All heavy atoms as atom14 arrays in JSON, in Angstrom:
{
  "sequence": "VATAAWGMDNTLSRALAERDPGQVVLVKAALGATVTALLALAFAEPA",
  "atom14_mask": [
    [1, 1, 1, 1, 1, 1, 1, 0, 0, 0, 0, 0, 0, 0],
    [1, 1, 1, 1, 1, 0, 0, 0, 0, 0, 0, 0, 0, 0],
    [1, 1, 1, 1, 1, 1, 1, 0, 0, 0, 0, 0, 0, 0],
    [1, 1, 1, 1, 1, 0, 0, 0, 0, 0, 0, 0, 0, 0],
    [1, 1, 1, 1, 1, 0, 0, 0, 0, 0, 0, 0, 0, 0],
    [1, 1, 1, 1, 1, 1, 1, 1, 1, 1, 1, 1, 1, 1],
    [1, 1, 1, 1, 0, 0, 0, 0, 0, 0, 0, 0, 0, 0],
    [1, 1, 1, 1, 1, 1, 1, 1, 0, 0, 0, 0, 0, 0],
    [1, 1, 1, 1, 1, 1, 1, 1, 0, 0, 0, 0, 0, 0],
    [1, 1, 1, 1, 1, 1, 1, 1, 0, 0, 0, 0, 0, 0],
    [1, 1, 1, 1, 1, 1, 1, 0, 0, 0, 0, 0, 0, 0],
    [1, 1, 1, 1, 1, 1, 1, 1, 0, 0, 0, 0, 0, 0],
    [1, 1, 1, 1, 1, 1, 0, 0, 0, 0, 0, 0, 0, 0],
    [1, 1, 1, 1, 1, 1, 1, 1, 1, 1, 1, 0, 0, 0],
    [1, 1, 1, 1, 1, 0, 0, 0, 0, 0, 0, 0, 0, 0],
    [1, 1, 1, 1, 1, 1, 1, 1, 0, 0, 0, 0, 0, 0],
    [1, 1, 1, 1, 1, 0, 0, 0, 0, 0, 0, 0, 0, 0],
    [1, 1, 1, 1, 1, 1, 1, 1, 1, 0, 0, 0, 0, 0],
    [1, 1, 1, 1, 1, 1, 1, 1, 1, 1, 1, 0, 0, 0],
    [1, 1, 1, 1, 1, 1, 1, 1, 0, 0, 0, 0, 0, 0],
    [1, 1, 1, 1, 1, 1, 1, 0, 0, 0, 0, 0, 0, 0],
    [1, 1, 1, 1, 0, 0, 0, 0, 0, 0, 0, 0, 0, 0],
    [1, 1, 1, 1, 1, 1, 1, 1, 1, 0, 0, 0, 0, 0],
    [1, 1, 1, 1, 1, 1, 1, 0, 0, 0, 0, 0, 0, 0],
    [1, 1, 1, 1, 1, 1, 1, 0, 0, 0, 0, 0, 0, 0],
    [1, 1, 1, 1, 1, 1, 1, 1, 0, 0, 0, 0, 0, 0],
    [1, 1, 1, 1, 1, 1, 1, 0, 0, 0, 0, 0, 0, 0],
    [1, 1, 1, 1, 1, 1, 1, 1, 1, 0, 0, 0, 0, 0],
    [1, 1, 1, 1, 1, 0, 0, 0, 0, 0, 0, 0, 0, 0],
    [1, 1, 1, 1, 1, 0, 0, 0, 0, 0, 0, 0, 0, 0],
    [1, 1, 1, 1, 1, 1, 1, 1, 0, 0, 0, 0, 0, 0],
    [1, 1, 1, 1, 0, 0, 0, 0, 0, 0, 0, 0, 0, 0],
    [1, 1, 1, 1, 1, 0, 0, 0, 0, 0, 0, 0, 0, 0],
    [1, 1, 1, 1, 1, 1, 1, 0, 0, 0, 0, 0, 0, 0],
    [1, 1, 1, 1, 1, 1, 1, 0, 0, 0, 0, 0, 0, 0],
    [1, 1, 1, 1, 1, 1, 1, 0, 0, 0, 0, 0, 0, 0],
    [1, 1, 1, 1, 1, 0, 0, 0, 0, 0, 0, 0, 0, 0],
    [1, 1, 1, 1, 1, 1, 1, 1, 0, 0, 0, 0, 0, 0],
    [1, 1, 1, 1, 1, 1, 1, 1, 0, 0, 0, 0, 0, 0],
    [1, 1, 1, 1, 1, 0, 0, 0, 0, 0, 0, 0, 0, 0],
    [1, 1, 1, 1, 1, 1, 1, 1, 0, 0, 0, 0, 0, 0],
    [1, 1, 1, 1, 1, 0, 0, 0, 0, 0, 0, 0, 0, 0],
    [1, 1, 1, 1, 1, 1, 1, 1, 1, 1, 1, 0, 0, 0],
    [1, 1, 1, 1, 1, 0, 0, 0, 0, 0, 0, 0, 0, 0],
    [1, 1, 1, 1, 1, 1, 1, 1, 1, 0, 0, 0, 0, 0],
    [1, 1, 1, 1, 1, 1, 1, 0, 0, 0, 0, 0, 0, 0],
    [1, 1, 1, 1, 1, 0, 0, 0, 0, 0, 0, 0, 0, 0]
  ],
  "atom14_positions": [
    [[-11.45, -0.1, -11.16], [-11.39, -0.56, -9.76], [-10.18, 0.04, -9.07], [-10.25, 0.46, -7.9], [-11.35, -2.1, -9.7], [-11.06, -2.58, -8.28], [-12.66, -2.7, -10.19], [0.0, 0.0, 0.0], [0.0, 0.0, 0.0], [0.0, 0.0, 0.0], [0.0, 0.0, 0.0], [0.0, 0.0, 0.0], [0.0, 0.0, 0.0], [0.0, 0.0, 0.0]],
    [[-9.04, 0.1, -9.77], [-7.83, 0.69, -9.19], [-8.06, 2.16, -8.85], [-7.61, 2.64, -7.79], [-6.66, 0.54, -10.15], [0.0, 0.0, 0.0], [0.0, 0.0, 0.0], [0.0, 0.0, 0.0], [0.0, 0.0, 0.0], [0.0, 0.0, 0.0], [0.0, 0.0, 0.0], [0.0, 0.0, 0.0], [0.0, 0.0, 0.0], [0.0, 0.0, 0.0]],
    [[-8.75, 2.9, -9.72], [-8.98, 4.32, -9.45], [-9.86, 4.5, -8.21], [-9.62, 5.41, -7.4], [-9.65, 5.02, -10.65], [-10.97, 4.54, -10.83], [-8.85, 4.82, -11.92], [0.0, 0.0, 0.0], [0.0, 0.0, 0.0], [0.0, 0.0, 0.0], [0.0, 0.0, 0.0], [0.0, 0.0, 0.0], [0.0, 0.0, 0.0], [0.0, 0.0, 0.0]],
    [[-10.88, 3.64, -8.06], [-11.74, 3.74, -6.87], [-10.94, 3.42, -5.61], [-11.09, 4.09, -4.58], [-12.93, 2.79, -7.02], [0.0, 0.0, 0.0], [0.0, 0.0, 0.0], [0.0, 0.0, 0.0], [0.0, 0.0, 0.0], [0.0, 0.0, 0.0], [0.0, 0.0, 0.0], [0.0, 0.0, 0.0], [0.0, 0.0, 0.0], [0.0, 0.0, 0.0]],
    [[-10.09, 2.39, -5.68], [-9.28, 2.03, -4.52], [-8.32, 3.15, -4.15], [-8.15, 3.49, -2.97], [-8.49, 0.74, -4.82], [0.0, 0.0, 0.0], [0.0, 0.0, 0.0], [0.0, 0.0, 0.0], [0.0, 0.0, 0.0], [0.0, 0.0, 0.0], [0.0, 0.0, 0.0], [0.0, 0.0, 0.0], [0.0, 0.0, 0.0], [0.0, 0.0, 0.0]],
    [[-7.69, 3.77, -5.14], [-6.76, 4.86, -4.86], [-7.5, 6.12, -4.42], [-6.94, 6.94, -3.68], [-5.86, 5.12, -6.06], [-4.67, 4.2, -6.07], [-3.96, 3.76, -5.01], [-4.06, 3.6, -7.22], [-2.95, 2.92, -5.4], [-2.98, 2.81, -6.75], [-4.3, 3.65, -8.59], [-2.15, 2.1, -7.61], [-3.49, 2.93, -9.44], [-2.42, 2.17, -8.96]],
    [[-8.74, 6.3, -4.87], [-9.53, 7.41, -4.37], [-9.77, 7.28, -2.88], [-9.65, 8.25, -2.11], [0.0, 0.0, 0.0], [0.0, 0.0, 0.0], [0.0, 0.0, 0.0], [0.0, 0.0, 0.0], [0.0, 0.0, 0.0], [0.0, 0.0, 0.0], [0.0, 0.0, 0.0], [0.0, 0.0, 0.0], [0.0, 0.0, 0.0], [0.0, 0.0, 0.0]],
    [[-10.1, 6.07, -2.43], [-10.27, 5.82, -1.0], [-8.95, 5.98, -0.27], [-8.88, 6.58, 0.82], [-10.83, 4.41, -0.78], [-11.01, 4.03, 0.69], [-12.2, 5.1, 1.55], [-13.74, 4.4, 0.92], [0.0, 0.0, 0.0], [0.0, 0.0, 0.0], [0.0, 0.0, 0.0], [0.0, 0.0, 0.0], [0.0, 0.0, 0.0], [0.0, 0.0, 0.0]],
    [[-7.87, 5.5, -0.86], [-6.54, 5.65, -0.29], [-6.2, 7.12, -0.1], [-5.75, 7.55, 0.97], [-5.53, 4.97, -1.23], [-4.08, 5.22, -0.84], [-3.81, 5.5, 0.34], [-3.21, 5.12, -1.72], [0.0, 0.0, 0.0], [0.0, 0.0, 0.0], [0.0, 0.0, 0.0], [0.0, 0.0, 0.0], [0.0, 0.0, 0.0], [0.0, 0.0, 0.0]],
    [[-6.43, 7.93, -1.14], [-6.12, 9.37, -1.07], [-6.9, 10.04, 0.06], [-6.36, 10.88, 0.79], [-6.47, 10.05, -2.39], [-5.64, 9.56, -3.54], [-4.55, 9.03, -3.36], [-6.15, 9.72, -4.75], [0.0, 0.0, 0.0], [0.0, 0.0, 0.0], [0.0, 0.0, 0.0], [0.0, 0.0, 0.0], [0.0, 0.0, 0.0], [0.0, 0.0, 0.0]],
    [[-8.17, 9.69, 0.18], [-9.02, 10.33, 1.17], [-8.62, 9.93, 2.59], [-8.52, 10.78, 3.49], [-10.49, 9.97, 0.93], [-10.81, 10.22, -0.44], [-11.41, 10.81, 1.8], [0.0, 0.0, 0.0], [0.0, 0.0, 0.0], [0.0, 0.0, 0.0], [0.0, 0.0, 0.0], [0.0, 0.0, 0.0], [0.0, 0.0, 0.0], [0.0, 0.0, 0.0]],
    [[-8.35, 8.65, 2.8], [-7.91, 8.2, 4.11], [-6.54, 8.75, 4.47], [-6.24, 9.0, 5.64], [-7.88, 6.67, 4.15], [-9.24, 5.96, 4.06], [-9.06, 4.46, 3.94], [-10.09, 6.29, 5.28], [0.0, 0.0, 0.0], [0.0, 0.0, 0.0], [0.0, 0.0, 0.0], [0.0, 0.0, 0.0], [0.0, 0.0, 0.0], [0.0, 0.0, 0.0]],
    [[-5.69, 8.96, 3.45], [-4.34, 9.48, 3.7], [-4.35, 10.93, 4.14], [-3.34, 11.42, 4.67], [-3.49, 9.36, 2.44], [-3.28, 8.02, 2.08], [0.0, 0.0, 0.0], [0.0, 0.0, 0.0], [0.0, 0.0, 0.0], [0.0, 0.0, 0.0], [0.0, 0.0, 0.0], [0.0, 0.0, 0.0], [0.0, 0.0, 0.0], [0.0, 0.0, 0.0]],
    [[-5.47, 11.63, 3.93], [-5.53, 13.06, 4.28], [-5.16, 13.29, 5.74], [-4.44, 14.22, 6.08], [-6.93, 13.62, 4.0], [-7.14, 15.05, 4.46], [-6.25, 16.01, 3.69], [-6.28, 17.35, 4.26], [-5.47, 17.8, 5.2], [-4.58, 16.99, 5.75], [-5.55, 19.04, 5.63], [0.0, 0.0, 0.0], [0.0, 0.0, 0.0], [0.0, 0.0, 0.0]],
    [[-5.63, 12.42, 6.65], [-5.34, 12.58, 8.06], [-3.89, 12.24, 8.4], [-3.42, 12.54, 9.49], [-6.28, 11.7, 8.89], [0.0, 0.0, 0.0], [0.0, 0.0, 0.0], [0.0, 0.0, 0.0], [0.0, 0.0, 0.0], [0.0, 0.0, 0.0], [0.0, 0.0, 0.0], [0.0, 0.0, 0.0], [0.0, 0.0, 0.0], [0.0, 0.0, 0.0]],
    [[-3.18, 11.6, 7.47], [-1.77, 11.26, 7.69], [-0.84, 12.29, 7.06], [0.38, 12.19, 7.19], [-1.45, 9.89, 7.09], [-2.27, 8.71, 7.62], [-1.93, 7.45, 6.84], [-2.0, 8.5, 9.11], [0.0, 0.0, 0.0], [0.0, 0.0, 0.0], [0.0, 0.0, 0.0], [0.0, 0.0, 0.0], [0.0, 0.0, 0.0], [0.0, 0.0, 0.0]],
    [[-1.42, 13.31, 6.4], [-0.6, 14.28, 5.68], [0.24, 15.14, 6.63], [1.25, 15.72, 6.21], [-1.47, 15.18, 4.81], [0.0, 0.0, 0.0], [0.0, 0.0, 0.0], [0.0, 0.0, 0.0], [0.0, 0.0, 0.0], [0.0, 0.0, 0.0], [0.0, 0.0, 0.0], [0.0, 0.0, 0.0], [0.0, 0.0, 0.0], [0.0, 0.0, 0.0]],
    [[-0.16, 15.23, 7.91], [0.61, 16.02, 8.87], [1.76, 15.23, 9.46], [2.6, 15.78, 10.18], [-0.31, 16.51, 10.0], [-1.55, 17.27, 9.52], [-1.21, 18.43, 8.6], [-0.17, 19.08, 8.83], [-1.96, 18.67, 7.64], [0.0, 0.0, 0.0], [0.0, 0.0, 0.0], [0.0, 0.0, 0.0], [0.0, 0.0, 0.0], [0.0, 0.0, 0.0]],
    [[1.82, 13.93, 9.19], [2.93, 13.1, 9.68], [4.1, 13.16, 8.68], [3.96, 13.65, 7.57], [2.48, 11.65, 9.85], [1.19, 11.49, 10.64], [1.38, 11.79, 12.11], [0.2, 11.4, 12.87], [-0.58, 12.27, 13.5], [-0.32, 13.56, 13.46], [-1.64, 11.84, 14.17], [0.0, 0.0, 0.0], [0.0, 0.0, 0.0], [0.0, 0.0, 0.0]],
    [[5.25, 12.64, 9.1], [6.42, 12.6, 8.23], [6.09, 11.8, 6.98], [5.85, 10.59, 7.07], [7.59, 11.96, 8.99], [8.83, 11.8, 8.15], [8.87, 12.31, 7.01], [9.79, 11.15, 8.62], [0.0, 0.0, 0.0], [0.0, 0.0, 0.0], [0.0, 0.0, 0.0], [0.0, 0.0, 0.0], [0.0, 0.0, 0.0], [0.0, 0.0, 0.0]],
    [[6.08, 12.43, 5.79], [5.73, 11.7, 4.57], [6.65, 10.51, 4.3], [6.21, 9.47, 3.81], [5.86, 12.76, 3.46], [5.74, 14.06, 4.15], [6.35, 13.86, 5.51], [0.0, 0.0, 0.0], [0.0, 0.0, 0.0], [0.0, 0.0, 0.0], [0.0, 0.0, 0.0], [0.0, 0.0, 0.0], [0.0, 0.0, 0.0], [0.0, 0.0, 0.0]],
    [[7.93, 10.66, 4.62], [8.86, 9.55, 4.41], [8.49, 8.35, 5.25], [8.54, 7.2, 4.79], [0.0, 0.0, 0.0], [0.0, 0.0, 0.0], [0.0, 0.0, 0.0], [0.0, 0.0, 0.0], [0.0, 0.0, 0.0], [0.0, 0.0, 0.0], [0.0, 0.0, 0.0], [0.0, 0.0, 0.0], [0.0, 0.0, 0.0], [0.0, 0.0, 0.0]],
    [[8.1, 8.58, 6.49], [7.7, 7.49, 7.37], [6.41, 6.84, 6.9], [6.26, 5.62, 6.93], [7.55, 8.0, 8.81], [7.37, 6.88, 9.83], [7.2, 7.41, 11.24], [6.81, 8.56, 11.45], [7.47, 6.57, 12.22], [0.0, 0.0, 0.0], [0.0, 0.0, 0.0], [0.0, 0.0, 0.0], [0.0, 0.0, 0.0], [0.0, 0.0, 0.0]],
    [[5.45, 7.67, 6.46], [4.19, 7.13, 5.94], [4.44, 6.26, 4.71], [3.9, 5.15, 4.59], [3.21, 8.28, 5.6], [1.96, 7.73, 4.92], [2.84, 9.06, 6.85], [0.0, 0.0, 0.0], [0.0, 0.0, 0.0], [0.0, 0.0, 0.0], [0.0, 0.0, 0.0], [0.0, 0.0, 0.0], [0.0, 0.0, 0.0], [0.0, 0.0, 0.0]],
    [[5.27, 6.76, 3.79], [5.59, 5.99, 2.58], [6.26, 4.67, 2.96], [5.92, 3.61, 2.43], [6.51, 6.81, 1.65], [7.02, 5.93, 0.51], [5.76, 8.01, 1.09], [0.0, 0.0, 0.0], [0.0, 0.0, 0.0], [0.0, 0.0, 0.0], [0.0, 0.0, 0.0], [0.0, 0.0, 0.0], [0.0, 0.0, 0.0], [0.0, 0.0, 0.0]],
    [[7.22, 4.72, 3.88], [7.95, 3.52, 4.28], [7.02, 2.47, 4.85], [7.04, 1.3, 4.43], [9.03, 3.88, 5.3], [9.77, 2.71, 5.95], [10.48, 1.87, 4.9], [10.75, 3.21, 7.0], [0.0, 0.0, 0.0], [0.0, 0.0, 0.0], [0.0, 0.0, 0.0], [0.0, 0.0, 0.0], [0.0, 0.0, 0.0], [0.0, 0.0, 0.0]],
    [[6.19, 2.85, 5.81], [5.31, 1.88, 6.46], [4.27, 1.34, 5.49], [4.05, 0.11, 5.39], [4.62, 2.52, 7.69], [3.6, 1.56, 8.29], [5.66, 2.91, 8.73], [0.0, 0.0, 0.0], [0.0, 0.0, 0.0], [0.0, 0.0, 0.0], [0.0, 0.0, 0.0], [0.0, 0.0, 0.0], [0.0, 0.0, 0.0], [0.0, 0.0, 0.0]],
    [[3.62, 2.23, 4.74], [2.6, 1.8, 3.79], [3.19, 0.87, 2.74], [2.64, -0.21, 2.45], [1.98, 3.01, 3.11], [1.03, 2.66, 1.96], [0.55, 3.9, 1.24], [-0.3, 3.54, 0.03], [-0.8, 4.73, -0.69], [0.0, 0.0, 0.0], [0.0, 0.0, 0.0], [0.0, 0.0, 0.0], [0.0, 0.0, 0.0], [0.0, 0.0, 0.0]],
    [[4.32, 1.27, 2.15], [4.91, 0.48, 1.07], [5.46, -0.85, 1.57], [5.3, -1.88, 0.91], [6.02, 1.29, 0.4], [0.0, 0.0, 0.0], [0.0, 0.0, 0.0], [0.0, 0.0, 0.0], [0.0, 0.0, 0.0], [0.0, 0.0, 0.0], [0.0, 0.0, 0.0], [0.0, 0.0, 0.0], [0.0, 0.0, 0.0], [0.0, 0.0, 0.0]],
    [[6.09, -0.85, 2.75], [6.65, -2.09, 3.27], [5.55, -3.1, 3.57], [5.68, -4.3, 3.25], [7.47, -1.8, 4.53], [0.0, 0.0, 0.0], [0.0, 0.0, 0.0], [0.0, 0.0, 0.0], [0.0, 0.0, 0.0], [0.0, 0.0, 0.0], [0.0, 0.0, 0.0], [0.0, 0.0, 0.0], [0.0, 0.0, 0.0], [0.0, 0.0, 0.0]],
    [[4.45, -2.65, 4.17], [3.34, -3.56, 4.45], [2.69, -4.03, 3.15], [2.37, -5.22, 3.0], [2.3, -2.86, 5.32], [2.7, -2.6, 6.78], [1.63, -1.78, 7.49], [2.92, -3.92, 7.51], [0.0, 0.0, 0.0], [0.0, 0.0, 0.0], [0.0, 0.0, 0.0], [0.0, 0.0, 0.0], [0.0, 0.0, 0.0], [0.0, 0.0, 0.0]],
    [[2.5, -3.12, 2.19], [1.91, -3.5, 0.92], [2.77, -4.5, 0.17], [2.25, -5.48, -0.39], [0.0, 0.0, 0.0], [0.0, 0.0, 0.0], [0.0, 0.0, 0.0], [0.0, 0.0, 0.0], [0.0, 0.0, 0.0], [0.0, 0.0, 0.0], [0.0, 0.0, 0.0], [0.0, 0.0, 0.0], [0.0, 0.0, 0.0], [0.0, 0.0, 0.0]],
    [[4.09, -4.28, 0.15], [4.99, -5.2, -0.54], [4.98, -6.58, 0.12], [5.01, -7.61, -0.56], [6.41, -4.63, -0.55], [0.0, 0.0, 0.0], [0.0, 0.0, 0.0], [0.0, 0.0, 0.0], [0.0, 0.0, 0.0], [0.0, 0.0, 0.0], [0.0, 0.0, 0.0], [0.0, 0.0, 0.0], [0.0, 0.0, 0.0], [0.0, 0.0, 0.0]],
    [[4.92, -6.59, 1.45], [4.91, -7.87, 2.17], [3.65, -8.67, 1.87], [3.71, -9.87, 1.57], [5.02, -7.62, 3.69], [6.24, -6.92, 3.97], [5.01, -8.94, 4.46], [0.0, 0.0, 0.0], [0.0, 0.0, 0.0], [0.0, 0.0, 0.0], [0.0, 0.0, 0.0], [0.0, 0.0, 0.0], [0.0, 0.0, 0.0], [0.0, 0.0, 0.0]],
    [[2.5, -8.0, 1.93], [1.23, -8.69, 1.69], [1.16, -9.23, 0.26], [0.82, -10.41, 0.03], [0.04, -7.75, 1.96], [-1.27, -8.38, 1.5], [-0.04, -7.4, 3.44], [0.0, 0.0, 0.0], [0.0, 0.0, 0.0], [0.0, 0.0, 0.0], [0.0, 0.0, 0.0], [0.0, 0.0, 0.0], [0.0, 0.0, 0.0], [0.0, 0.0, 0.0]],
    [[1.5, -8.41, -0.73], [1.39, -8.85, -2.12], [2.45, -9.91, -2.46], [2.19, -10.82, -3.26], [1.52, -7.65, -3.08], [2.65, -6.85, -2.72], [0.26, -6.8, -3.05], [0.0, 0.0, 0.0], [0.0, 0.0, 0.0], [0.0, 0.0, 0.0], [0.0, 0.0, 0.0], [0.0, 0.0, 0.0], [0.0, 0.0, 0.0], [0.0, 0.0, 0.0]],
    [[3.64, -9.83, -1.85], [4.66, -10.85, -2.09], [4.21, -12.21, -1.54], [4.39, -13.25, -2.19], [5.98, -10.43, -1.45], [0.0, 0.0, 0.0], [0.0, 0.0, 0.0], [0.0, 0.0, 0.0], [0.0, 0.0, 0.0], [0.0, 0.0, 0.0], [0.0, 0.0, 0.0], [0.0, 0.0, 0.0], [0.0, 0.0, 0.0], [0.0, 0.0, 0.0]],
    [[3.62, -12.2, -0.35], [3.13, -13.46, 0.23], [2.0, -14.04, -0.61], [1.94, -15.27, -0.83], [2.66, -13.22, 1.66], [3.76, -12.9, 2.69], [3.15, -12.55, 4.04], [4.71, -14.1, 2.83], [0.0, 0.0, 0.0], [0.0, 0.0, 0.0], [0.0, 0.0, 0.0], [0.0, 0.0, 0.0], [0.0, 0.0, 0.0], [0.0, 0.0, 0.0]],
    [[1.12, -13.18, -1.11], [0.03, -13.66, -1.97], [0.58, -14.19, -3.29], [0.09, -15.19, -3.82], [-0.97, -12.53, -2.23], [-1.84, -12.12, -1.04], [-2.66, -10.88, -1.38], [-2.77, -13.27, -0.64], [0.0, 0.0, 0.0], [0.0, 0.0, 0.0], [0.0, 0.0, 0.0], [0.0, 0.0, 0.0], [0.0, 0.0, 0.0], [0.0, 0.0, 0.0]],
    [[1.62, -13.54, -3.83], [2.24, -14.01, -5.08], [2.83, -15.4, -4.89], [2.71, -16.27, -5.77], [3.32, -13.03, -5.53], [0.0, 0.0, 0.0], [0.0, 0.0, 0.0], [0.0, 0.0, 0.0], [0.0, 0.0, 0.0], [0.0, 0.0, 0.0], [0.0, 0.0, 0.0], [0.0, 0.0, 0.0], [0.0, 0.0, 0.0], [0.0, 0.0, 0.0]],
    [[3.46, -15.63, -3.75], [4.01, -16.96, -3.46], [2.89, -17.98, -3.29], [2.98, -19.12, -3.77], [4.86, -16.9, -2.19], [6.2, -16.16, -2.3], [6.85, -16.04, -0.93], [7.14, -16.9, -3.27], [0.0, 0.0, 0.0], [0.0, 0.0, 0.0], [0.0, 0.0, 0.0], [0.0, 0.0, 0.0], [0.0, 0.0, 0.0], [0.0, 0.0, 0.0]],
    [[1.81, -17.57, -2.61], [0.7, -18.49, -2.38], [0.04, -18.91, -3.68], [-0.4, -20.06, -3.83], [-0.32, -17.84, -1.45], [0.0, 0.0, 0.0], [0.0, 0.0, 0.0], [0.0, 0.0, 0.0], [0.0, 0.0, 0.0], [0.0, 0.0, 0.0], [0.0, 0.0, 0.0], [0.0, 0.0, 0.0], [0.0, 0.0, 0.0], [0.0, 0.0, 0.0]],
    [[-0.03, -18.0, -4.66], [-0.65, -18.3, -5.95], [0.37, -18.77, -6.99], [0.02, -18.93, -8.16], [-1.39, -17.07, -6.47], [-2.7, -16.81, -5.77], [-2.76, -15.91, -4.71], [-3.85, -17.47, -6.15], [-3.95, -15.66, -4.06], [-5.05, -17.23, -5.5], [-5.11, -16.33, -4.44], [0.0, 0.0, 0.0], [0.0, 0.0, 0.0], [0.0, 0.0, 0.0]],
    [[1.62, -18.99, -6.54], [2.68, -19.53, -7.39], [2.87, -18.74, -8.69], [3.0, -19.31, -9.77], [2.39, -21.01, -7.71], [0.0, 0.0, 0.0], [0.0, 0.0, 0.0], [0.0, 0.0, 0.0], [0.0, 0.0, 0.0], [0.0, 0.0, 0.0], [0.0, 0.0, 0.0], [0.0, 0.0, 0.0], [0.0, 0.0, 0.0], [0.0, 0.0, 0.0]],
    [[2.88, -17.42, -8.58], [3.15, -16.6, -9.76], [4.61, -16.76, -10.17], [5.49, -16.98, -9.34], [2.84, -15.13, -9.46], [1.37, -14.84, -9.33], [1.06, -13.34, -9.26], [2.01, -12.55, -9.1], [-0.11, -12.98, -9.38], [0.0, 0.0, 0.0], [0.0, 0.0, 0.0], [0.0, 0.0, 0.0], [0.0, 0.0, 0.0], [0.0, 0.0, 0.0]],
    [[4.91, -16.66, -11.47], [6.29, -16.86, -11.94], [7.24, -15.8, -11.4], [6.86, -14.63, -11.23], [6.16, -16.76, -13.47], [4.89, -16.0, -13.7], [3.98, -16.37, -12.58], [0.0, 0.0, 0.0], [0.0, 0.0, 0.0], [0.0, 0.0, 0.0], [0.0, 0.0, 0.0], [0.0, 0.0, 0.0], [0.0, 0.0, 0.0], [0.0, 0.0, 0.0]],
    [[8.47, -16.2, -11.13], [9.49, -15.27, -10.64], [9.91, -14.33, -11.77], [10.02, -14.75, -12.93], [10.7, -16.03, -10.11], [0.0, 0.0, 0.0], [0.0, 0.0, 0.0], [0.0, 0.0, 0.0], [0.0, 0.0, 0.0], [0.0, 0.0, 0.0], [0.0, 0.0, 0.0], [0.0, 0.0, 0.0], [0.0, 0.0, 0.0], [0.0, 0.0, 0.0]]
  ]
}
């Protein structure tokens, strides 16, 4: 499932390849970290 998700990620990212890679990494990673951290708190995962 992870490989399929990253395959879609890779393909969608193609149109972002002309943008600043550092900015793309920052925005993508910051949003991803925020969403998964909030879900971790909601499901009470151990610290």
